[in-house]
Amino acid sequence: MSSLPSMEATIDVSGLRKRFGPTLALDGMTFSVRPGQVTGFVGPNGAGKSTTMRVILGLDAADEGTALIGGQPYRTLRHPLSQVGALLDAAALQPSRSARNHLLWLAHSQGLGCPRVDEVVAQAGLESAIRRRAGGFSLGMRQRLGLAAALLGDPPVLILDEPFNGMDPEGIVWMRGFLRGLAAEGRAVFVSSHLMSELQDTADHLVVAGRGRVIADAAVRDMISAASDDRVELRTAALPEAMTALARAGAEVAATAPGVLTIKNLSAERTVAALTANRVPFTEVSAHRATLEEAYMELTRDAVEYRAAPGPAAPADSARPAPSAPAGPPPATAPGAAQ
C-alpha cells in the first residue's frame, strides 16, 4: 500500500444540529475521530448516526455546526477519494456492471489507474469474483466491494456504516483484523455498528449517541471497566453460608444464577479470605468483566426511542410436554421414496 497523504487524518464534528420537519435528528452532536485507532459509533435506532455520517460526507447539510475532515468540509476537498474513503450503502452500485468495472470507473474519476484497482481487489479478497456482475453478489461480497472502493485513493480517513452486515464468520474475522491494520498504519477509521461483540474486538474508542447527541465518548477498555463495577463472581454449592459470611465482611451479595453469587464492595482477595475463615467451600472466585454490550445497554437505556413490548416467556424445560410415543408401527414406505 502506498504512503498516506499529508492531510491530517482527523474527523471533527462540532455542535451539529439537523431537523427533518418536526423530527430533531441531531441535537448538538460533538466528537472527534483521531488517527491511529478504530473509533466505533453506536447508538439505538434513531440516535442520529447515519445522519451524522451523511453530514460529514456532504450528503446532508446541517442546520448548525460543522463537520470537518482534516480541517476541511468535505465539499472543499479537491480529490476526495484520496482524502476520505466511505462505505455507507453496499447496494449503491450499478448491478449490471462487473465488480472490476465498478471499481475502474470510480478510479478513473479520480485519476487513478488499473494497478490501484488490482491492489484493492487483492486487499478485499475479491480476485476470484471480480469479473462477475456486482448485482449478483451477496451482501457480504458487496461489503467487500464497497470497502475496496473506499480504499481506492489510499485515504487517511475511512468512514464505514455497518461494514459487518452480511459477513459470514470468516468474513467477520477478516474485517476485524483488516480494520485494525488500517488504523495501525495511522488512519482514522470511523465505524458504525449495532454489533457490540464485533466492536469490542475491533474498536479502540467508542462514541455512543442517543437522541441526536453524544452520551458517551471514551476508550472501549474504560467503558468496560466502568461497567464491570469492581464486581466479583463466586461459584459455590453453599449459597446460604457464603451469603452470610460475605455479608458479615461488608459485601453486597446477590444470587444471579444457580450456584453463582455476584459480590460488590469486596475484592476477590477479601472474598476468598472471608470464605476461608468461615470454612465455606467454593469452586471459583473471579473478578467480573462486563462485555461492551452490557456497558452499551447501561449507557443507552434512557435513549431508546423504539422499544418493543416484551415477548412471551419461554416455557421451563419441566413444563414442556414430553414427545408422545407413536400409537402403532410406522407406516410402510412407498417404493422409491427417499428414506
Protein backbone atom coordinates (compact mmCIF):
# COMPACT_ATOMS: atom_id res chain seq x y z
CA MET A 1 0.00 0.00 0.00
CA SER A 2 1.31 3.45 -0.83
CA SER A 3 2.24 6.03 1.79
CA LEU A 4 -0.51 8.11 3.34
CA PRO A 5 -1.23 11.59 2.00
CA SER A 6 0.00 14.55 4.07
CA MET A 7 -3.53 15.58 5.07
CA GLU A 8 -4.18 15.24 8.79
CA ALA A 9 -6.24 12.13 9.43
CA THR A 10 -8.97 13.51 11.68
CA ILE A 11 -12.72 13.98 11.74
CA ASP A 12 -14.03 16.83 13.89
CA VAL A 13 -17.76 17.16 14.49
CA SER A 14 -18.90 20.18 16.46
CA GLY A 15 -22.39 21.23 17.51
CA LEU A 16 -24.27 19.54 14.66
CA ARG A 17 -27.99 20.23 14.61
CA LYS A 18 -30.31 18.89 11.95
CA ARG A 19 -34.08 18.82 11.75
CA PHE A 20 -36.23 16.90 9.26
CA GLY A 21 -39.62 18.55 9.57
CA PRO A 22 -40.81 18.03 13.14
CA THR A 23 -38.05 15.49 13.89
CA LEU A 24 -34.85 16.72 15.54
CA ALA A 25 -32.30 14.26 14.15
CA LEU A 26 -29.15 15.93 15.55
CA ASP A 27 -29.10 17.99 18.72
CA GLY A 28 -25.59 19.33 19.20
CA MET A 29 -23.62 16.23 18.12
CA THR A 30 -19.95 16.81 19.02
CA PHE A 31 -16.96 14.43 18.93
CA SER A 32 -13.60 13.80 17.24
CA VAL A 33 -12.13 10.80 15.46
CA ARG A 34 -8.35 10.57 15.78
CA PRO A 35 -5.72 8.84 13.62
CA GLY A 36 -4.19 5.53 14.56
CA GLN A 37 -7.31 3.97 16.03
CA VAL A 38 -10.66 2.44 15.16
CA THR A 39 -13.47 4.59 16.55
CA GLY A 40 -16.83 2.87 16.88
CA PHE A 41 -20.04 4.86 16.50
CA VAL A 42 -23.03 3.27 18.22
CA GLY A 43 -26.49 4.09 19.48
CA PRO A 44 -30.13 2.98 19.26
CA ASN A 45 -32.15 3.31 16.07
CA GLY A 46 -32.96 6.98 15.57
CA ALA A 47 -29.91 8.17 17.52
CA GLY A 48 -28.59 10.18 14.55
CA LYS A 49 -25.67 8.00 13.46
CA SER A 50 -26.49 7.78 9.75
CA THR A 51 -27.43 11.46 9.58
CA THR A 52 -24.12 12.40 11.21
CA MET A 53 -22.17 10.36 8.65
CA ARG A 54 -24.14 11.90 5.81
CA VAL A 55 -23.42 15.40 7.10
CA ILE A 56 -19.70 14.61 7.40
CA LEU A 57 -19.70 13.48 3.76
CA GLY A 58 -21.70 16.44 2.49
CA LEU A 59 -24.77 14.38 1.58
CA ASP A 60 -26.93 16.30 4.06
CA ALA A 61 -26.48 19.90 5.17
CA ALA A 62 -26.55 20.65 8.89
CA ASP A 63 -28.76 23.45 10.18
CA GLU A 64 -26.00 24.37 12.64
CA GLY A 65 -22.48 23.24 13.48
CA THR A 66 -19.53 21.94 11.49
CA ALA A 67 -18.16 18.61 10.30
CA LEU A 68 -14.55 18.71 9.10
CA ILE A 69 -12.23 16.11 7.60
CA GLY A 70 -8.60 17.05 8.08
CA GLY A 71 -9.78 20.56 8.99
CA GLN A 72 -11.87 21.00 5.82
CA PRO A 73 -15.51 20.49 4.85
CA TYR A 74 -15.94 17.54 2.52
CA ARG A 75 -17.26 19.75 -0.31
CA THR A 76 -13.94 21.63 -0.49
CA LEU A 77 -11.78 18.51 -0.97
CA ARG A 78 -10.25 18.56 -4.46
CA HIS A 79 -9.61 14.81 -4.69
CA PRO A 80 -11.98 13.32 -2.13
CA LEU A 81 -11.16 9.64 -2.74
CA SER A 82 -7.52 10.30 -1.84
CA GLN A 83 -8.53 12.00 1.41
CA VAL A 84 -11.55 10.08 2.70
CA GLY A 85 -12.98 6.70 1.75
CA ALA A 86 -16.59 5.93 2.62
CA LEU A 87 -18.95 2.99 2.58
CA LEU A 88 -22.49 3.98 3.58
CA ASP A 89 -24.55 1.65 1.39
CA ALA A 90 -23.16 -1.59 -0.01
CA ALA A 91 -26.02 -1.68 -2.55
CA ALA A 92 -25.02 1.64 -4.15
CA LEU A 93 -23.72 0.22 -7.41
CA GLN A 94 -24.81 -0.47 -10.98
CA PRO A 95 -25.88 -4.14 -10.79
CA SER A 96 -25.21 -4.92 -14.47
CA ARG A 97 -21.53 -3.86 -14.24
CA SER A 98 -18.83 -6.29 -13.29
CA ALA A 99 -17.22 -5.64 -9.94
CA ARG A 100 -13.99 -4.72 -11.72
CA ASN A 101 -15.70 -2.19 -13.98
CA HIS A 102 -17.44 -0.68 -10.96
CA LEU A 103 -14.04 -0.03 -9.41
CA LEU A 104 -12.47 1.10 -12.69
CA TRP A 105 -14.92 3.94 -13.33
CA LEU A 106 -14.51 5.14 -9.74
CA ALA A 107 -10.73 5.02 -10.11
CA HIS A 108 -10.75 6.88 -13.45
CA SER A 109 -12.97 9.61 -11.99
CA GLN A 110 -10.15 10.41 -9.57
CA GLY A 111 -7.23 9.99 -11.97
CA LEU A 112 -6.28 6.57 -10.62
CA GLY A 113 -5.15 3.72 -12.86
CA CYS A 114 -5.76 0.00 -13.21
CA PRO A 115 -2.85 -1.04 -10.96
CA ARG A 116 -4.55 0.57 -7.96
CA VAL A 117 -7.78 -1.29 -8.76
CA ASP A 118 -5.86 -4.57 -8.75
CA GLU A 119 -4.32 -3.69 -5.37
CA VAL A 120 -7.63 -3.04 -3.61
CA VAL A 121 -9.21 -6.12 -5.21
CA ALA A 122 -6.46 -8.23 -3.63
CA GLN A 123 -6.82 -6.44 -0.29
CA ALA A 124 -10.56 -7.15 -0.20
CA GLY A 125 -10.15 -10.79 -1.24
CA LEU A 126 -12.21 -10.39 -4.41
CA GLU A 127 -9.85 -11.82 -7.05
CA SER A 128 -11.98 -14.88 -7.82
CA ALA A 129 -15.20 -12.86 -8.23
CA ILE A 130 -14.02 -9.59 -9.71
CA ARG A 131 -15.35 -10.22 -13.25
CA ARG A 132 -18.81 -11.27 -12.07
CA ARG A 133 -21.77 -8.88 -12.21
CA ALA A 134 -21.91 -6.92 -8.98
CA GLY A 135 -25.69 -7.28 -8.90
CA GLY A 136 -25.27 -11.00 -8.25
CA PHE A 137 -23.09 -10.51 -5.18
CA SER A 138 -24.27 -11.47 -1.70
CA LEU A 139 -24.43 -8.69 0.90
CA GLY A 140 -21.12 -9.82 2.38
CA MET A 141 -19.43 -9.70 -1.03
CA ARG A 142 -20.92 -6.26 -1.67
CA GLN A 143 -19.42 -5.11 1.62
CA ARG A 144 -16.01 -6.26 0.41
CA LEU A 145 -16.54 -4.47 -2.90
CA GLY A 146 -17.63 -1.28 -1.11
CA LEU A 147 -14.56 -1.43 1.11
CA ALA A 148 -12.34 -1.88 -1.94
CA ALA A 149 -13.94 1.23 -3.48
CA ALA A 150 -13.37 3.19 -0.26
CA LEU A 151 -9.68 2.26 -0.35
CA LEU A 152 -9.04 3.24 -3.99
CA GLY A 153 -7.44 6.60 -3.17
CA ASP A 154 -5.41 5.17 -0.26
CA PRO A 155 -7.11 7.70 2.04
CA PRO A 156 -6.03 8.60 5.59
CA VAL A 157 -9.68 8.68 6.74
CA LEU A 158 -12.26 5.90 6.39
CA ILE A 159 -15.98 6.16 7.22
CA LEU A 160 -17.85 2.84 7.21
CA ASP A 161 -21.52 2.31 8.06
CA GLU A 162 -22.30 -1.23 9.32
CA PRO A 163 -19.44 -2.97 7.46
CA PHE A 164 -20.02 -6.27 9.32
CA ASN A 165 -23.57 -6.67 7.96
CA GLY A 166 -23.97 -9.78 5.82
CA MET A 167 -20.49 -11.10 6.59
CA ASP A 168 -20.04 -14.80 7.30
CA PRO A 169 -17.88 -15.79 10.32
CA GLU A 170 -14.70 -15.92 8.22
CA GLY A 171 -15.52 -12.51 6.76
CA ILE A 172 -16.15 -11.00 10.19
CA VAL A 173 -12.79 -12.23 11.47
CA TRP A 174 -11.11 -10.86 8.34
CA MET A 175 -12.87 -7.49 8.67
CA ARG A 176 -11.84 -7.10 12.32
CA GLY A 177 -8.19 -7.65 11.55
CA PHE A 178 -8.30 -5.56 8.39
CA LEU A 179 -9.78 -2.51 10.13
CA ARG A 180 -7.27 -2.77 12.97
CA GLY A 181 -4.48 -3.00 10.40
CA LEU A 182 -5.68 0.14 8.61
CA ALA A 183 -5.71 2.05 11.90
CA ALA A 184 -2.23 0.76 12.75
CA GLU A 185 -1.00 2.48 9.57
CA GLY A 186 -2.06 5.82 11.07
CA ARG A 187 -5.52 6.15 9.53
CA ALA A 188 -8.64 7.41 11.29
CA VAL A 189 -11.15 4.57 10.94
CA PHE A 190 -14.73 5.52 11.86
CA VAL A 191 -17.15 2.57 12.01
CA SER A 192 -20.83 2.48 12.92
CA SER A 193 -22.29 -0.84 14.00
CA HIS A 194 -25.02 -2.46 16.08
CA LEU A 195 -22.80 -5.48 16.76
CA MET A 196 -21.19 -4.77 20.12
CA SER A 197 -19.35 -8.09 20.14
CA GLU A 198 -17.56 -7.12 16.93
CA LEU A 199 -16.68 -3.62 18.10
CA GLN A 200 -15.38 -4.98 21.41
CA ASP A 201 -12.78 -6.92 19.43
CA THR A 202 -12.15 -4.17 16.85
CA ALA A 203 -12.56 -0.64 18.22
CA ASP A 204 -10.14 1.27 20.44
CA HIS A 205 -12.55 4.11 21.15
CA LEU A 206 -16.33 4.44 21.21
CA VAL A 207 -18.72 7.31 20.61
CA VAL A 208 -22.20 6.49 21.92
CA ALA A 209 -25.09 8.55 20.51
CA GLY A 210 -28.63 8.90 21.78
CA ARG A 211 -31.44 11.22 20.70
CA GLY A 212 -29.16 13.19 18.41
CA ARG A 213 -26.34 13.89 20.83
CA VAL A 214 -23.27 12.21 22.31
CA ILE A 215 -23.94 10.45 25.61
CA ALA A 216 -20.52 8.81 25.99
CA ASP A 217 -17.12 9.28 24.36
CA ALA A 218 -14.35 7.11 25.80
CA ALA A 219 -11.87 4.29 25.24
CA VAL A 220 -13.53 0.87 24.95
CA ARG A 221 -11.44 -0.51 27.81
CA ASP A 222 -12.56 2.35 30.08
CA MET A 223 -16.24 1.75 29.27
CA ILE A 224 -15.91 -1.96 30.02
CA SER A 225 -14.03 -1.22 33.24
CA ALA A 226 -16.70 1.20 34.41
CA ALA A 227 -19.47 -1.29 33.61
CA SER A 228 -17.63 -4.07 35.44
CA ASP A 229 -18.12 -2.01 38.63
CA ASP A 230 -15.46 -3.92 40.61
CA ARG A 231 -17.81 -6.88 40.95
CA VAL A 232 -16.72 -10.40 41.91
CA GLU A 233 -18.38 -13.63 40.88
CA LEU A 234 -18.41 -16.63 43.20
CA ARG A 235 -19.35 -20.22 42.38
CA THR A 236 -20.28 -22.33 45.38
CA ALA A 237 -22.67 -25.12 46.38
CA ALA A 238 -23.09 -23.49 49.82
CA LEU A 239 -25.03 -20.37 48.86
CA PRO A 240 -26.66 -19.58 52.25
CA GLU A 241 -23.39 -19.99 54.18
CA ALA A 242 -21.46 -17.93 51.60
CA MET A 243 -24.03 -15.11 51.65
CA THR A 244 -23.94 -14.93 55.44
CA ALA A 245 -20.13 -14.90 55.61
CA LEU A 246 -19.75 -12.28 52.90
CA ALA A 247 -22.46 -10.01 54.31
CA ARG A 248 -20.62 -10.04 57.65
CA ALA A 249 -17.47 -8.98 55.78
CA GLY A 250 -19.31 -5.93 54.38
CA ALA A 251 -20.19 -7.21 50.91
CA GLU A 252 -23.37 -6.65 48.96
CA VAL A 253 -24.34 -10.11 47.70
CA ALA A 254 -26.91 -11.27 45.15
CA ALA A 255 -27.66 -14.70 43.72
CA THR A 256 -27.52 -14.30 39.91
CA ALA A 257 -27.70 -17.94 38.78
CA PRO A 258 -27.84 -21.41 40.31
CA GLY A 259 -24.69 -21.75 42.39
CA VAL A 260 -23.46 -18.26 41.45
CA LEU A 261 -23.23 -15.12 43.60
CA THR A 262 -22.33 -11.62 42.44
CA ILE A 263 -20.47 -9.61 45.06
CA LYS A 264 -19.97 -5.86 45.39
CA ASN A 265 -17.85 -3.84 47.83
CA LEU A 266 -15.43 -6.69 48.42
CA SER A 267 -12.34 -7.56 46.39
CA ALA A 268 -11.65 -11.07 45.13
CA GLU A 269 -8.84 -11.42 47.68
CA ARG A 270 -11.05 -10.40 50.62
CA THR A 271 -13.82 -12.64 49.33
CA VAL A 272 -11.50 -15.66 49.43
CA ALA A 273 -10.30 -14.67 52.90
CA ALA A 274 -13.86 -14.37 54.24
CA LEU A 275 -14.91 -17.71 52.80
CA THR A 276 -11.79 -19.47 54.06
CA ALA A 277 -12.16 -18.01 57.55
CA ASN A 278 -15.73 -19.30 57.73
CA ARG A 279 -14.89 -22.66 56.14
CA VAL A 280 -17.29 -22.11 53.24
CA PRO A 281 -16.42 -24.33 50.25
CA PHE A 282 -16.25 -22.75 46.79
CA THR A 283 -15.04 -23.69 43.33
CA GLU A 284 -14.29 -20.32 41.75
CA VAL A 285 -13.81 -16.65 42.64
CA SER A 286 -13.20 -14.27 39.76
CA ALA A 287 -13.35 -10.54 39.06
CA HIS A 288 -16.36 -9.83 36.87
CA ARG A 289 -15.53 -8.30 33.49
CA ALA A 290 -18.50 -6.76 31.73
CA THR A 291 -18.96 -7.00 27.98
CA LEU A 292 -19.18 -3.98 25.73
CA GLU A 293 -22.82 -4.89 25.18
CA GLU A 294 -23.50 -4.59 28.93
CA ALA A 295 -21.78 -1.21 29.01
CA TYR A 296 -23.75 -0.05 25.97
CA MET A 297 -27.10 -1.18 27.37
CA GLU A 298 -26.45 0.67 30.61
CA LEU A 299 -25.46 3.87 28.79
CA THR A 300 -28.38 3.89 26.37
CA ARG A 301 -31.26 2.58 28.50
CA ASP A 302 -32.84 6.05 28.63
CA ALA A 303 -32.12 6.89 24.97
CA VAL A 304 -34.06 4.12 23.22
CA GLU A 305 -36.84 5.61 21.08
CA TYR A 306 -38.34 2.41 19.66
CA ARG A 307 -38.92 -0.02 22.49
CA ALA A 308 -40.90 -3.18 21.75
CA ALA A 309 -43.15 -4.95 24.23
CA PRO A 310 -41.56 -7.99 25.90
CA GLY A 311 -42.18 -11.26 24.12
CA PRO A 312 -43.79 -14.31 25.71
CA ALA A 313 -41.63 -16.11 28.24
CA ALA A 314 -40.14 -19.40 27.08
CA PRO A 315 -41.56 -22.39 28.97
CA ALA A 316 -39.33 -24.06 31.51
CA ASP A 317 -37.94 -27.44 30.47
CA SER A 318 -40.03 -29.19 33.13
CA ALA A 319 -43.22 -27.59 31.75
CA ARG A 320 -42.66 -28.77 28.22
CA PRO A 321 -44.72 -31.82 27.29
CA ALA A 322 -42.76 -34.95 26.58
CA PRO A 323 -42.96 -36.18 23.00
CA SER A 324 -45.69 -38.76 22.61
CA ALA A 325 -44.87 -42.28 21.54
CA PRO A 326 -46.23 -43.47 18.22
CA ALA A 327 -49.56 -45.26 18.55
CA GLY A 328 -48.56 -48.14 16.34
CA PRO A 329 -45.92 -49.31 13.87
CA PRO A 330 -44.65 -46.71 11.40
CA PRO A 331 -46.40 -46.64 8.04
CA ALA A 332 -44.81 -48.58 5.23
CA THR A 333 -42.57 -46.58 2.90
CA ALA A 334 -43.72 -46.40 -0.68
CA PRO A 335 -41.37 -47.95 -3.21
CA GLY A 336 -38.82 -45.45 -4.50
CA ALA A 337 -39.44 -42.93 -1.70
CA ALA A 338 -36.46 -41.31 -0.01
CA GLN A 339 -35.55 -42.84 3.36
